[in-house]
């Protein structure tokens, strides 16, 4: 891996740094995944309304419900990341 002696990997500074890196990566990947999902969801909503404009009110309600549930995933991931950061 990196050219550090084994005793350097056991130091508290390296462990804290790796903890911060893991928290940032976990929360960031969850946020990016949700952003991509909501973007795809919105594009399909626009396509659906363009095909059948009479279903707009029904589709908008389902869109906001699904977008809210999709947006809950990174919020939970950030909560877990902060739990890992401050508790463990």
C-alpha atoms as a PDB file:
ATOM      1  CA  UNK A   1       0.000   0.000   0.000  1.00  0.00           C
ATOM      2  CA  UNK A   2       1.633   3.190   1.140  1.00  0.00           C
ATOM      3  CA  UNK A   3       5.240   3.085   2.201  1.00  0.00           C
ATOM      4  CA  UNK A   4       4.687   3.541   5.919  1.00  0.00           C
ATOM      5  CA  UNK A   5       5.882   1.273   8.707  1.00  0.00           C
ATOM      6  CA  UNK A   6       3.245  -0.823  10.444  1.00  0.00           C
ATOM      7  CA  UNK A   7       3.514   1.268  13.607  1.00  0.00           C
ATOM      8  CA  UNK A   8       2.480   4.397  11.674  1.00  0.00           C
ATOM      9  CA  UNK A   9      -0.847   2.836  10.670  1.00  0.00           C
ATOM     10  CA  UNK A  10      -1.645   2.166  14.315  1.00  0.00           C
ATOM     11  CA  UNK A  11      -1.252   5.813  15.333  1.00  0.00           C
ATOM     12  CA  UNK A  12      -4.404   7.670  16.435  1.00  0.00           C
ATOM     13  CA  UNK A  13      -3.861  10.437  13.872  1.00  0.00           C
ATOM     14  CA  UNK A  14      -4.058   8.023  10.931  1.00  0.00           C
ATOM     15  CA  UNK A  15      -7.118   6.304  12.400  1.00  0.00           C
ATOM     16  CA  UNK A  16      -8.926   9.618  12.888  1.00  0.00           C
ATOM     17  CA  UNK A  17      -8.059  10.697   9.380  1.00  0.00           C
ATOM     18  CA  UNK A  18      -9.362   7.463   7.913  1.00  0.00           C
ATOM     19  CA  UNK A  19     -12.544   7.844   9.956  1.00  0.00           C
ATOM     20  CA  UNK A  20     -13.116  11.333   8.504  1.00  0.00           C
ATOM     21  CA  UNK A  21     -12.417  10.013   5.008  1.00  0.00           C
ATOM     22  CA  UNK A  22     -14.888   7.154   5.415  1.00  0.00           C
ATOM     23  CA  UNK A  23     -17.587   9.462   6.759  1.00  0.00           C
ATOM     24  CA  UNK A  24     -17.111  11.926   3.910  1.00  0.00           C
ATOM     25  CA  UNK A  25     -17.146   9.224   1.243  1.00  0.00           C
ATOM     26  CA  UNK A  26     -20.215   7.517   2.684  1.00  0.00           C
ATOM     27  CA  UNK A  27     -22.271  10.694   2.937  1.00  0.00           C
ATOM     28  CA  UNK A  28     -21.067  11.974  -0.440  1.00  0.00           C
ATOM     29  CA  UNK A  29     -21.844   8.790  -2.345  1.00  0.00           C
ATOM     30  CA  UNK A  30     -25.300   8.596  -0.767  1.00  0.00           C
ATOM     31  CA  UNK A  31     -25.991  12.201  -1.720  1.00  0.00           C
ATOM     32  CA  UNK A  32     -24.830  11.717  -5.295  1.00  0.00           C
ATOM     33  CA  UNK A  33     -26.927   8.595  -5.681  1.00  0.00           C
ATOM     34  CA  UNK A  34     -30.037  10.371  -4.467  1.00  0.00           C
ATOM     35  CA  UNK A  35     -29.376  13.341  -6.745  1.00  0.00           C
ATOM     36  CA  UNK A  36     -29.075  11.062  -9.768  1.00  0.00           C
ATOM     37  CA  UNK A  37     -32.230   9.204  -8.769  1.00  0.00           C
ATOM     38  CA  UNK A  38     -34.293  12.363  -8.332  1.00  0.00           C
ATOM     39  CA  UNK A  39     -32.980  13.717 -11.641  1.00  0.00           C
ATOM     40  CA  UNK A  40     -34.051  10.563 -13.464  1.00  0.00           C
ATOM     41  CA  UNK A  41     -37.388  10.653 -11.692  1.00  0.00           C
ATOM     42  CA  UNK A  42     -37.994  14.265 -12.746  1.00  0.00           C
ATOM     43  CA  UNK A  43     -37.064  13.543 -16.361  1.00  0.00           C
ATOM     44  CA  UNK A  44     -39.523  10.646 -16.497  1.00  0.00           C
ATOM     45  CA  UNK A  45     -42.191  12.871 -14.926  1.00  0.00           C
ATOM     46  CA  UNK A  46     -41.741  15.448 -17.683  1.00  0.00           C
ATOM     47  CA  UNK A  47     -41.927  12.715 -20.331  1.00  0.00           C
ATOM     48  CA  UNK A  48     -45.085  11.300 -18.787  1.00  0.00           C
ATOM     49  CA  UNK A  49     -46.810  14.679 -18.569  1.00  0.00           C
ATOM     50  CA  UNK A  50     -45.872  15.401 -22.180  1.00  0.00           C
ATOM     51  CA  UNK A  51     -47.502  12.123 -23.266  1.00  0.00           C
ATOM     52  CA  UNK A  52     -50.624  12.359 -21.108  1.00  0.00           C
ATOM     53  CA  UNK A  53     -51.250  15.889 -19.805  1.00  0.00           C
ATOM     54  CA  UNK A  54     -54.538  14.881 -18.173  1.00  0.00           C
ATOM     55  CA  UNK A  55     -52.653  12.795 -15.584  1.00  0.00           C
ATOM     56  CA  UNK A  56     -50.522  15.702 -14.376  1.00  0.00           C
ATOM     57  CA  UNK A  57     -52.081  16.069 -10.918  1.00  0.00           C
ATOM     58  CA  UNK A  58     -51.864  12.341 -10.161  1.00  0.00           C
ATOM     59  CA  UNK A  59     -48.293  12.133 -11.451  1.00  0.00           C
ATOM     60  CA  UNK A  60     -47.146  15.178  -9.466  1.00  0.00           C
ATOM     61  CA  UNK A  61     -48.425  13.687  -6.215  1.00  0.00           C
ATOM     62  CA  UNK A  62     -46.603  10.440  -6.845  1.00  0.00           C
ATOM     63  CA  UNK A  63     -43.485  12.328  -7.904  1.00  0.00           C
ATOM     64  CA  UNK A  64     -43.283  14.303  -4.657  1.00  0.00           C
ATOM     65  CA  UNK A  65     -43.906  11.191  -2.575  1.00  0.00           C
ATOM     66  CA  UNK A  66     -41.186   9.251  -4.374  1.00  0.00           C
ATOM     67  CA  UNK A  67     -38.771  12.198  -4.361  1.00  0.00           C
ATOM     68  CA  UNK A  68     -39.258  12.588  -0.608  1.00  0.00           C
ATOM     69  CA  UNK A  69     -38.574   8.921   0.007  1.00  0.00           C
ATOM     70  CA  UNK A  70     -35.538   9.049  -2.264  1.00  0.00           C
ATOM     71  CA  UNK A  71     -34.266  12.137  -0.468  1.00  0.00           C
ATOM     72  CA  UNK A  72     -34.597  10.403   2.900  1.00  0.00           C
ATOM     73  CA  UNK A  73     -31.804   7.968   2.022  1.00  0.00           C
ATOM     74  CA  UNK A  74     -28.910  10.489   2.109  1.00  0.00           C
ATOM     75  CA  UNK A  75     -30.360  12.106   5.227  1.00  0.00           C
ATOM     76  CA  UNK A  76     -30.231   8.732   6.982  1.00  0.00           C
ATOM     77  CA  UNK A  77     -26.739   8.122   5.568  1.00  0.00           C
ATOM     78  CA  UNK A  78     -25.535  11.459   6.934  1.00  0.00           C
ATOM     79  CA  UNK A  79     -27.046  10.633  10.330  1.00  0.00           C
ATOM     80  CA  UNK A  80     -25.244   7.276  10.369  1.00  0.00           C
ATOM     81  CA  UNK A  81     -22.010   8.946   9.240  1.00  0.00           C
ATOM     82  CA  UNK A  82     -22.222  11.469  12.060  1.00  0.00           C
ATOM     83  CA  UNK A  83     -22.977   8.664  14.490  1.00  0.00           C
ATOM     84  CA  UNK A  84     -19.847   6.845  13.351  1.00  0.00           C
ATOM     85  CA  UNK A  85     -17.834  10.041  13.542  1.00  0.00           C
ATOM     86  CA  UNK A  86     -18.800  11.134  17.031  1.00  0.00           C
ATOM     87  CA  UNK A  87     -19.708   7.891  18.836  1.00  0.00           C
ATOM     88  CA  UNK A  88     -17.303   5.237  17.570  1.00  0.00           C
END
